[in-house]
Amino acid sequence: MHLHDLWFVLIAVLWIGYFFLEGFDFGIGILTRTLARDTAERRVLINTIGPVWDGNEVWLLTAGGATFAAFPDWYATLFSGFFVPLLLILVCLIVRGVSFEYRHQRSGERWQRNWELAIFWTSLLPAFLWGVAFGNIVHGVDIDADKNYVGTLGDLLNPYALLGGLTTLVLFTFHGAVFASLKTSGEIRTRARAQATVLGLATAVLALVFLVWTQAHSGNGWSLAALVVAVLALVGALGANRLAREGWAFALSGLTIVAAVGMLFLSLFPDVMPSTLDPAWSLTVTNASSSPYTLKVMTVVALVFTPLVLLYQGWTYWVFRRRIGVQHIPAAAHH
């Protein structure tokens, strides 16, 4: 395997890890308005991700940094062509982080309600926009011979990409509902399972259409295998959720995300951004990569630091593994 192929795989793994972890983060943020019934329950949901949400975003930073270093042409075309949606995602992530930190700084009901609304919207929009962005990457965009995106913002809002956005939005919310049932106790845990069932069925419809469309457009044998795994995992997650096996349900909903995102990268390779104007102008792992020396240095650094990051993040989840319920929230928050 060439180093540029290896780094394509590593970047795919980083995005898969990000969507697995940040997926339930986004889902919890959305559920603060659709599942929680009062301030105390919203605080319970927020507290389930309070110790880990910022660590989850490290995967995004690493994926972006790895793309910049390993495939600078891919990075340049992607961030210049998708400037508006990526800027919106960045603003949402900034406001979302501020919302988590500022919400509890004052006890006023209006103050907390406004920050809770900010958490909801800044979770919903990125969950949708990431699907739109990756839908366009896989389906292809207008790239010219100079590796520049020459389309418009409207071109990015095509039916396939919008379906991708709806799919990730509902899938992440389902993942979040399963996580909520795993991490909470009491009535909210029961309602989270019920909502996960509805969300899981909606996910099944959207994801099946989106993934089959992807397979028909640019799929191969490997991507077909990933599609089958995604479908089976989603069915298993729904079954485990129905049986109140929250641990299995979460593992399988996570596997659904892993397989679905993996399928997108498998159907994309060896391209990194296909051109709809001329296949010869597509960005590939070969013509968009850095020099072999750069990739070699990056590989050494990754081998040293990646295990340390994984161990630290795994330890964090282990420390904060216990369930939380309304009974753990101070009485002053019950209004």
Protein backbone atom coordinates (compact mmCIF):
# COMPACT_ATOMS: atom_id res chain seq x y z
CA MET A 1 0.00 0.00 0.00
CA HIS A 2 1.32 3.45 -0.94
CA LEU A 3 1.50 6.10 1.77
CA HIS A 4 -1.11 8.26 0.04
CA ASP A 5 -3.49 5.29 0.13
CA LEU A 6 -2.70 4.74 3.80
CA TRP A 7 -3.46 8.36 4.61
CA PHE A 8 -6.74 8.20 2.74
CA VAL A 9 -7.66 5.29 5.01
CA LEU A 10 -6.48 7.13 8.13
CA ILE A 11 -8.47 10.25 7.21
CA ALA A 12 -11.52 8.06 6.62
CA VAL A 13 -11.02 6.54 10.09
CA LEU A 14 -10.79 10.01 11.63
CA TRP A 15 -14.05 11.11 10.01
CA ILE A 16 -15.72 7.86 11.03
CA GLY A 17 -14.56 8.36 14.63
CA TYR A 18 -15.75 11.97 14.58
CA PHE A 19 -19.23 11.09 13.33
CA PHE A 20 -19.51 8.17 15.75
CA LEU A 21 -18.70 10.38 18.74
CA GLU A 22 -20.02 13.77 17.67
CA GLY A 23 -23.07 12.05 16.20
CA PHE A 24 -24.57 11.33 19.61
CA ASP A 25 -23.36 14.76 20.79
CA PHE A 26 -25.43 16.40 18.07
CA GLY A 27 -28.29 14.02 18.81
CA ILE A 28 -28.34 14.93 22.49
CA GLY A 29 -28.36 18.63 21.60
CA ILE A 30 -31.38 18.12 19.34
CA LEU A 31 -33.15 15.99 21.97
CA THR A 32 -32.96 18.82 24.51
CA ARG A 33 -36.02 20.24 22.70
CA THR A 34 -37.73 17.07 21.49
CA LEU A 35 -37.23 14.70 24.43
CA ALA A 36 -36.69 16.79 27.56
CA ARG A 37 -39.85 18.20 29.13
CA ASP A 38 -38.38 20.74 31.54
CA THR A 39 -35.18 22.46 32.55
CA ALA A 40 -34.11 19.62 34.85
CA GLU A 41 -34.40 17.04 32.08
CA ARG A 42 -32.56 19.28 29.63
CA ARG A 43 -29.78 19.57 32.18
CA VAL A 44 -29.70 15.78 32.54
CA LEU A 45 -29.21 15.40 28.79
CA ILE A 46 -26.55 18.10 28.64
CA ASN A 47 -24.72 16.51 31.55
CA THR A 48 -24.52 13.16 29.75
CA ILE A 49 -22.13 14.74 27.22
CA GLY A 50 -20.71 17.50 29.42
CA PRO A 51 -17.38 15.75 30.18
CA VAL A 52 -16.79 14.48 26.62
CA TRP A 53 -18.22 16.79 23.94
CA ASP A 54 -15.06 18.90 23.59
CA GLY A 55 -12.83 15.82 23.40
CA ASN A 56 -15.01 14.45 20.62
CA GLU A 57 -14.29 17.51 18.50
CA VAL A 58 -10.57 16.70 18.58
CA TRP A 59 -11.37 14.12 15.90
CA LEU A 60 -12.62 16.89 13.61
CA LEU A 61 -9.53 19.02 14.19
CA THR A 62 -7.29 16.05 13.52
CA ALA A 63 -9.20 15.08 10.37
CA GLY A 64 -8.95 18.63 9.04
CA GLY A 65 -5.28 18.90 9.91
CA ALA A 66 -4.47 15.52 8.39
CA THR A 67 -6.27 16.47 5.18
CA PHE A 68 -4.33 19.74 4.99
CA ALA A 69 -0.99 17.99 5.47
CA ALA A 70 -1.55 14.79 3.47
CA PHE A 71 -3.76 16.11 0.65
CA PRO A 72 -3.27 19.89 0.37
CA ASP A 73 -5.03 20.14 -3.00
CA TRP A 74 -8.06 18.30 -1.61
CA TYR A 75 -8.08 20.62 1.40
CA ALA A 76 -7.77 23.75 -0.76
CA THR A 77 -10.52 22.78 -3.19
CA LEU A 78 -12.84 21.57 -0.45
CA PHE A 79 -12.52 24.57 1.84
CA SER A 80 -12.67 27.14 -0.94
CA GLY A 81 -15.55 25.52 -2.81
CA PHE A 82 -17.56 24.64 0.32
CA PHE A 83 -16.68 27.87 2.10
CA VAL A 84 -20.23 28.89 3.08
CA PRO A 85 -21.49 25.58 4.52
CA LEU A 86 -18.19 24.89 6.29
CA LEU A 87 -18.19 28.41 7.74
CA LEU A 88 -21.73 27.86 9.01
CA ILE A 89 -20.62 24.60 10.64
CA LEU A 90 -17.63 26.36 12.24
CA VAL A 91 -19.81 29.16 13.63
CA CYS A 92 -22.27 26.61 14.98
CA LEU A 93 -19.51 24.65 16.72
CA ILE A 94 -18.13 27.83 18.29
CA VAL A 95 -21.54 29.01 19.51
CA ARG A 96 -22.34 25.48 20.70
CA GLY A 97 -19.21 25.34 22.83
CA VAL A 98 -19.96 28.76 24.29
CA SER A 99 -23.54 27.66 25.03
CA PHE A 100 -22.40 24.67 27.08
CA GLU A 101 -20.09 26.86 29.14
CA TYR A 102 -22.33 29.92 29.55
CA ARG A 103 -25.66 28.22 30.18
CA HIS A 104 -24.97 27.53 33.86
CA GLN A 105 -23.23 30.83 34.62
CA ARG A 106 -26.52 32.49 35.64
CA SER A 107 -29.66 31.03 37.19
CA GLY A 108 -32.15 33.18 35.29
CA GLU A 109 -34.76 31.18 33.38
CA ARG A 110 -34.58 33.36 30.25
CA TRP A 111 -30.77 33.21 30.23
CA GLN A 112 -30.71 29.41 30.39
CA ARG A 113 -33.56 29.01 27.90
CA ASN A 114 -31.75 31.12 25.29
CA TRP A 115 -28.54 29.12 25.62
CA GLU A 116 -30.51 25.87 25.48
CA LEU A 117 -32.10 27.04 22.22
CA ALA A 118 -28.61 27.82 20.93
CA ILE A 119 -27.49 24.28 21.82
CA PHE A 120 -30.46 22.87 19.89
CA TRP A 121 -29.93 24.87 16.69
CA THR A 122 -26.15 24.56 16.70
CA SER A 123 -26.53 20.78 17.01
CA LEU A 124 -29.22 20.47 14.34
CA LEU A 125 -27.55 22.56 11.64
CA PRO A 126 -24.13 20.82 11.63
CA ALA A 127 -25.83 17.40 11.75
CA PHE A 128 -27.61 18.36 8.53
CA LEU A 129 -24.78 20.28 6.83
CA TRP A 130 -22.19 17.52 7.28
CA GLY A 131 -24.43 15.20 5.32
CA VAL A 132 -24.85 17.81 2.58
CA ALA A 133 -21.09 18.33 2.40
CA PHE A 134 -20.20 14.64 2.20
CA GLY A 135 -23.01 14.02 -0.25
CA ASN A 136 -21.42 16.53 -2.61
CA ILE A 137 -17.92 15.11 -2.08
CA VAL A 138 -19.04 11.60 -3.01
CA HIS A 139 -21.41 12.56 -5.82
CA GLY A 140 -18.96 14.99 -7.40
CA VAL A 141 -18.86 18.74 -7.98
CA ASP A 142 -17.80 21.14 -10.74
CA ILE A 143 -13.99 21.10 -10.61
CA ASP A 144 -11.98 22.50 -13.50
CA ALA A 145 -8.56 21.55 -14.87
CA ASP A 146 -6.84 23.82 -12.30
CA LYS A 147 -8.44 21.92 -9.40
CA ASN A 148 -10.75 24.84 -8.60
CA TYR A 149 -14.42 24.53 -7.69
CA VAL A 150 -16.31 26.56 -10.31
CA GLY A 151 -19.89 25.79 -9.25
CA THR A 152 -22.24 27.91 -7.14
CA LEU A 153 -23.70 27.56 -3.68
CA GLY A 154 -26.97 26.45 -5.27
CA ASP A 155 -25.19 23.59 -7.02
CA LEU A 156 -24.33 22.15 -3.61
CA LEU A 157 -28.02 22.00 -2.69
CA ASN A 158 -28.84 19.18 -5.10
CA PRO A 159 -31.34 16.40 -4.25
CA TYR A 160 -28.68 13.78 -3.45
CA ALA A 161 -26.81 16.09 -1.08
CA LEU A 162 -30.01 17.26 0.63
CA LEU A 163 -31.02 13.63 1.13
CA GLY A 164 -27.58 13.04 2.63
CA GLY A 165 -28.19 15.92 5.03
CA LEU A 166 -31.55 14.57 6.14
CA THR A 167 -30.02 11.12 6.57
CA THR A 168 -27.20 12.28 8.85
CA LEU A 169 -29.60 14.53 10.79
CA VAL A 170 -32.01 11.72 11.61
CA LEU A 171 -29.25 9.11 12.04
CA PHE A 172 -27.34 11.27 14.54
CA THR A 173 -30.55 12.06 16.44
CA PHE A 174 -31.33 8.33 16.62
CA HIS A 175 -27.77 7.68 17.83
CA GLY A 176 -28.25 10.39 20.46
CA ALA A 177 -31.56 8.92 21.65
CA VAL A 178 -29.93 5.51 22.10
CA PHE A 179 -27.06 7.18 23.98
CA ALA A 180 -29.58 9.02 26.18
CA SER A 181 -31.27 5.73 27.09
CA LEU A 182 -27.84 4.30 27.93
CA LYS A 183 -26.74 7.21 30.11
CA THR A 184 -29.94 8.25 31.92
CA SER A 185 -32.28 6.72 34.46
CA GLY A 186 -35.94 7.06 35.31
CA GLU A 187 -38.73 8.28 33.06
CA ILE A 188 -36.47 10.07 30.60
CA ARG A 189 -34.68 6.78 29.93
CA THR A 190 -37.98 5.12 28.97
CA ARG A 191 -39.03 8.01 26.74
CA ALA A 192 -35.60 8.02 25.07
CA ARG A 193 -36.08 4.37 24.07
CA ALA A 194 -39.53 5.14 22.67
CA GLN A 195 -38.24 8.09 20.68
CA ALA A 196 -35.28 6.03 19.46
CA THR A 197 -37.72 3.54 17.93
CA VAL A 198 -39.45 6.24 15.89
CA LEU A 199 -36.17 7.85 14.88
CA GLY A 200 -34.68 4.48 13.98
CA LEU A 201 -37.54 3.69 11.60
CA ALA A 202 -37.18 7.10 9.94
CA THR A 203 -33.43 6.53 9.68
CA ALA A 204 -34.01 3.15 8.03
CA VAL A 205 -36.07 4.71 5.25
CA LEU A 206 -33.76 7.67 4.57
CA ALA A 207 -30.50 5.76 4.94
CA LEU A 208 -31.61 2.91 2.70
CA VAL A 209 -32.56 5.29 -0.12
CA PHE A 210 -29.38 7.36 0.29
CA LEU A 211 -26.99 4.41 0.48
CA VAL A 212 -28.61 2.52 -2.39
CA TRP A 213 -28.42 5.71 -4.48
CA THR A 214 -24.74 5.98 -3.57
CA GLN A 215 -24.10 2.37 -4.49
CA ALA A 216 -25.87 2.77 -7.81
CA HIS A 217 -23.92 5.94 -8.63
CA SER A 218 -20.36 5.04 -7.67
CA GLY A 219 -20.39 1.85 -5.64
CA ASN A 220 -18.23 -1.26 -5.84
CA GLY A 221 -18.06 -4.61 -4.12
CA TRP A 222 -16.50 -3.23 -0.94
CA SER A 223 -19.05 -0.44 -0.62
CA LEU A 224 -21.87 -2.94 -1.14
CA ALA A 225 -20.52 -5.00 1.76
CA ALA A 226 -20.47 -1.87 3.94
CA LEU A 227 -24.05 -1.08 2.90
CA VAL A 228 -25.18 -4.54 4.02
CA VAL A 229 -23.38 -4.13 7.36
CA ALA A 230 -25.01 -0.71 7.89
CA VAL A 231 -28.49 -2.09 7.21
CA LEU A 232 -28.01 -5.13 9.45
CA ALA A 233 -26.54 -2.99 12.24
CA LEU A 234 -29.48 -0.59 12.11
CA VAL A 235 -31.97 -3.45 12.28
CA GLY A 236 -30.02 -4.89 15.21
CA ALA A 237 -29.98 -1.52 16.97
CA LEU A 238 -33.75 -1.23 16.65
CA GLY A 239 -34.19 -4.76 18.00
CA ALA A 240 -31.84 -4.19 20.94
CA ASN A 241 -33.55 -0.89 21.73
CA ARG A 242 -36.94 -2.61 21.76
CA LEU A 243 -35.58 -5.19 24.21
CA ALA A 244 -34.11 -2.42 26.42
CA ARG A 245 -30.56 -3.65 25.79
CA GLU A 246 -29.14 -0.14 25.68
CA GLY A 247 -25.49 -1.13 25.51
CA TRP A 248 -26.03 -3.32 22.47
CA ALA A 249 -28.33 -0.74 20.90
CA PHE A 250 -25.67 1.95 21.22
CA ALA A 251 -22.92 -0.29 19.87
CA LEU A 252 -25.05 -1.21 16.87
CA SER A 253 -26.23 2.34 16.17
CA GLY A 254 -22.57 3.32 16.27
CA LEU A 255 -21.74 0.47 13.89
CA THR A 256 -24.42 1.82 11.55
CA ILE A 257 -22.59 5.15 11.41
CA VAL A 258 -19.22 3.43 10.98
CA ALA A 259 -20.45 1.29 8.10
CA ALA A 260 -22.43 4.08 6.41
CA VAL A 261 -19.57 6.60 6.48
CA GLY A 262 -17.13 3.85 5.56
CA MET A 263 -19.28 3.07 2.54
CA LEU A 264 -19.01 6.68 1.36
CA PHE A 265 -15.21 6.56 1.48
CA LEU A 266 -15.12 3.12 -0.16
CA SER A 267 -17.28 4.34 -3.02
CA LEU A 268 -15.15 7.49 -3.32
CA PHE A 269 -11.68 5.85 -3.55
CA PRO A 270 -9.37 6.43 -5.39
CA ASP A 271 -10.93 9.87 -5.93
CA VAL A 272 -11.07 12.36 -3.11
CA MET A 273 -13.25 14.88 -4.98
CA PRO A 274 -14.70 13.72 -8.31
CA SER A 275 -15.20 16.32 -11.05
CA THR A 276 -18.57 16.36 -12.78
CA LEU A 277 -17.10 18.42 -15.65
CA ASP A 278 -14.46 15.91 -16.73
CA PRO A 279 -13.35 12.73 -14.89
CA ALA A 280 -9.76 13.57 -15.84
CA TRP A 281 -10.01 16.70 -13.67
CA SER A 282 -11.02 14.77 -10.55
CA LEU A 283 -8.84 15.04 -7.46
CA THR A 284 -7.41 11.64 -6.54
CA VAL A 285 -5.21 10.22 -3.82
CA THR A 286 -2.34 10.47 -6.30
CA ASN A 287 -2.63 13.95 -7.79
CA ALA A 288 -3.83 15.66 -4.60
CA SER A 289 -1.31 14.23 -2.12
CA SER A 290 1.77 15.69 -0.49
CA SER A 291 5.31 14.49 -1.18
CA PRO A 292 6.33 11.00 -0.03
CA TYR A 293 8.69 12.50 2.54
CA THR A 294 5.88 14.55 4.11
CA LEU A 295 3.64 11.50 4.30
CA LYS A 296 6.46 9.45 5.85
CA VAL A 297 7.04 12.01 8.62
CA MET A 298 3.29 12.23 9.27
CA THR A 299 3.09 8.45 9.57
CA VAL A 300 5.80 8.36 12.23
CA VAL A 301 4.10 11.13 14.23
CA ALA A 302 0.73 9.40 13.97
CA LEU A 303 2.17 6.10 15.19
CA VAL A 304 3.55 7.81 18.31
CA PHE A 305 0.67 10.08 19.35
CA THR A 306 -2.50 8.31 18.18
CA PRO A 307 -2.39 5.53 20.83
CA LEU A 308 -1.91 8.15 23.56
CA VAL A 309 -4.96 10.13 22.43
CA LEU A 310 -7.08 6.98 22.22
CA LEU A 311 -6.02 5.85 25.70
CA TYR A 312 -6.81 9.25 27.22
CA GLN A 313 -10.21 9.52 25.57
CA GLY A 314 -11.09 5.95 26.49
CA TRP A 315 -10.16 6.69 30.11
CA THR A 316 -12.41 9.77 30.08
CA TYR A 317 -15.42 7.73 28.98
CA TRP A 318 -14.66 5.11 31.61
CA VAL A 319 -14.51 7.68 34.42
CA PHE A 320 -17.85 9.24 33.40
CA ARG A 321 -19.63 5.97 32.62
CA ARG A 322 -22.40 6.15 35.24
CA ARG A 323 -26.02 7.00 34.53
CA ILE A 324 -27.56 10.32 35.50
CA GLY A 325 -31.17 11.16 36.31
CA VAL A 326 -33.33 14.05 37.43
CA GLN A 327 -32.63 13.04 41.05
CA HIS A 328 -29.02 14.10 40.54
CA ILE A 329 -30.02 17.64 39.54
CA PRO A 330 -30.22 20.26 42.32
CA ALA A 331 -33.77 21.17 43.30
CA ALA A 332 -33.24 24.76 42.12
CA ALA A 333 -33.08 23.52 38.53
CA HIS A 334 -36.53 21.86 38.66
CA HIS A 335 -38.58 24.62 37.04
